[in-house]
């Protein structure tokens, strides 16, 4: 079962079992253009 949650900043996380996938919405992609750097917490 997939469980997707969205932030107010147009980011999302989808959890399926013990795997999580993160991303940004289409709106955020259109507003940001090219994403060249991503910093994730340890």
N, C-alpha and C. Protein backbone atom coordinates (compact mmCIF):
# COMPACT_ATOMS: atom_id res chain seq x y z
N UNK A 1 0.84 -1.18 0.00
CA UNK A 1 0.00 0.00 0.00
C UNK A 1 0.88 1.25 0.00
N UNK A 2 0.62 2.16 -0.89
CA UNK A 2 1.39 3.39 -1.00
C UNK A 2 0.74 4.49 -0.16
N UNK A 3 1.57 5.28 0.50
CA UNK A 3 1.09 6.36 1.33
C UNK A 3 1.87 7.61 0.94
N UNK A 4 1.23 8.54 0.21
CA UNK A 4 1.90 9.74 -0.26
C UNK A 4 1.43 10.94 0.54
N UNK A 5 2.40 11.74 1.02
CA UNK A 5 2.09 12.96 1.76
C UNK A 5 2.79 14.13 1.08
N UNK A 6 2.13 15.30 1.11
CA UNK A 6 2.64 16.50 0.46
C UNK A 6 2.90 17.60 1.48
N UNK A 7 3.95 18.39 1.23
CA UNK A 7 4.23 19.55 2.08
C UNK A 7 3.63 20.80 1.43
N UNK A 8 3.59 21.89 2.20
CA UNK A 8 3.09 23.16 1.66
C UNK A 8 4.06 23.73 0.62
N UNK A 9 5.29 23.22 0.60
CA UNK A 9 6.32 23.70 -0.34
C UNK A 9 6.40 22.85 -1.60
N UNK A 10 5.36 22.05 -1.87
CA UNK A 10 5.25 21.24 -3.08
C UNK A 10 6.26 20.10 -3.14
N UNK A 11 6.67 19.61 -1.99
CA UNK A 11 7.51 18.41 -1.91
C UNK A 11 6.60 17.26 -1.51
N UNK A 12 6.99 16.03 -1.87
CA UNK A 12 6.17 14.88 -1.49
C UNK A 12 7.05 13.71 -1.10
N UNK A 13 6.47 12.81 -0.33
CA UNK A 13 7.12 11.56 0.03
C UNK A 13 6.09 10.45 -0.10
N UNK A 14 6.50 9.36 -0.70
CA UNK A 14 5.64 8.20 -0.87
C UNK A 14 6.34 7.02 -0.21
N UNK A 15 5.63 6.37 0.71
CA UNK A 15 6.20 5.24 1.45
C UNK A 15 5.48 3.97 1.05
N UNK A 16 6.26 2.99 0.62
CA UNK A 16 5.72 1.68 0.25
C UNK A 16 6.58 0.62 0.93
N UNK A 17 6.05 0.01 1.97
CA UNK A 17 6.84 -0.95 2.74
C UNK A 17 7.96 -0.23 3.45
N UNK A 18 9.20 -0.68 3.23
CA UNK A 18 10.34 -0.03 3.86
C UNK A 18 11.12 0.86 2.89
N UNK A 19 10.47 1.25 1.78
CA UNK A 19 11.09 2.11 0.78
C UNK A 19 10.33 3.43 0.71
N UNK A 20 11.08 4.55 0.79
CA UNK A 20 10.48 5.87 0.67
C UNK A 20 11.04 6.55 -0.58
N UNK A 21 10.15 7.19 -1.33
CA UNK A 21 10.54 7.94 -2.52
C UNK A 21 10.14 9.39 -2.29
N UNK A 22 11.06 10.34 -2.56
CA UNK A 22 10.75 11.75 -2.37
C UNK A 22 10.79 12.46 -3.71
N UNK A 23 10.09 13.58 -3.80
CA UNK A 23 10.09 14.34 -5.04
C UNK A 23 9.44 15.69 -4.87
N UNK A 24 9.25 16.38 -5.98
CA UNK A 24 8.55 17.66 -5.99
C UNK A 24 7.42 17.57 -7.00
N UNK A 25 6.40 18.38 -6.79
CA UNK A 25 5.22 18.35 -7.65
C UNK A 25 5.54 18.96 -9.02
N UNK A 26 4.67 18.74 -9.98
CA UNK A 26 4.83 19.35 -11.30
C UNK A 26 4.86 20.87 -11.20
N UNK A 27 4.03 21.44 -10.32
CA UNK A 27 4.02 22.90 -10.14
C UNK A 27 5.40 23.39 -9.70
N UNK A 28 6.01 22.71 -8.74
CA UNK A 28 7.34 23.10 -8.27
C UNK A 28 8.36 22.97 -9.39
N UNK A 29 8.27 21.92 -10.19
CA UNK A 29 9.20 21.74 -11.31
C UNK A 29 9.10 22.89 -12.29
N UNK A 30 7.87 23.32 -12.58
CA UNK A 30 7.67 24.44 -13.52
C UNK A 30 8.22 25.74 -12.95
N UNK A 31 8.05 25.97 -11.65
CA UNK A 31 8.51 27.20 -11.01
C UNK A 31 10.03 27.22 -10.84
N UNK A 32 10.63 26.07 -10.54
CA UNK A 32 12.07 26.01 -10.26
C UNK A 32 12.93 25.92 -11.50
N UNK A 33 12.45 25.29 -12.54
CA UNK A 33 13.29 25.03 -13.69
C UNK A 33 14.20 23.86 -13.40
N UNK A 34 15.48 23.96 -13.76
CA UNK A 34 16.42 22.86 -13.55
C UNK A 34 16.86 22.78 -12.09
N UNK A 35 16.81 21.59 -11.53
CA UNK A 35 17.32 21.35 -10.18
C UNK A 35 18.74 20.82 -10.34
N UNK A 36 19.72 21.55 -9.80
CA UNK A 36 21.11 21.16 -9.98
C UNK A 36 21.77 20.70 -8.69
N UNK A 37 21.09 20.88 -7.54
CA UNK A 37 21.68 20.48 -6.27
C UNK A 37 20.57 20.11 -5.30
N UNK A 38 20.75 19.00 -4.60
CA UNK A 38 19.81 18.56 -3.56
C UNK A 38 20.62 18.16 -2.35
N UNK A 39 20.24 18.67 -1.18
CA UNK A 39 20.91 18.30 0.06
C UNK A 39 19.93 17.53 0.94
N UNK A 40 20.30 16.30 1.29
CA UNK A 40 19.45 15.45 2.12
C UNK A 40 20.06 15.31 3.51
N UNK A 41 19.21 15.16 4.52
CA UNK A 41 19.75 14.97 5.87
C UNK A 41 20.44 13.62 6.00
N UNK A 42 21.35 13.52 6.95
CA UNK A 42 22.05 12.25 7.19
C UNK A 42 21.12 11.21 7.75
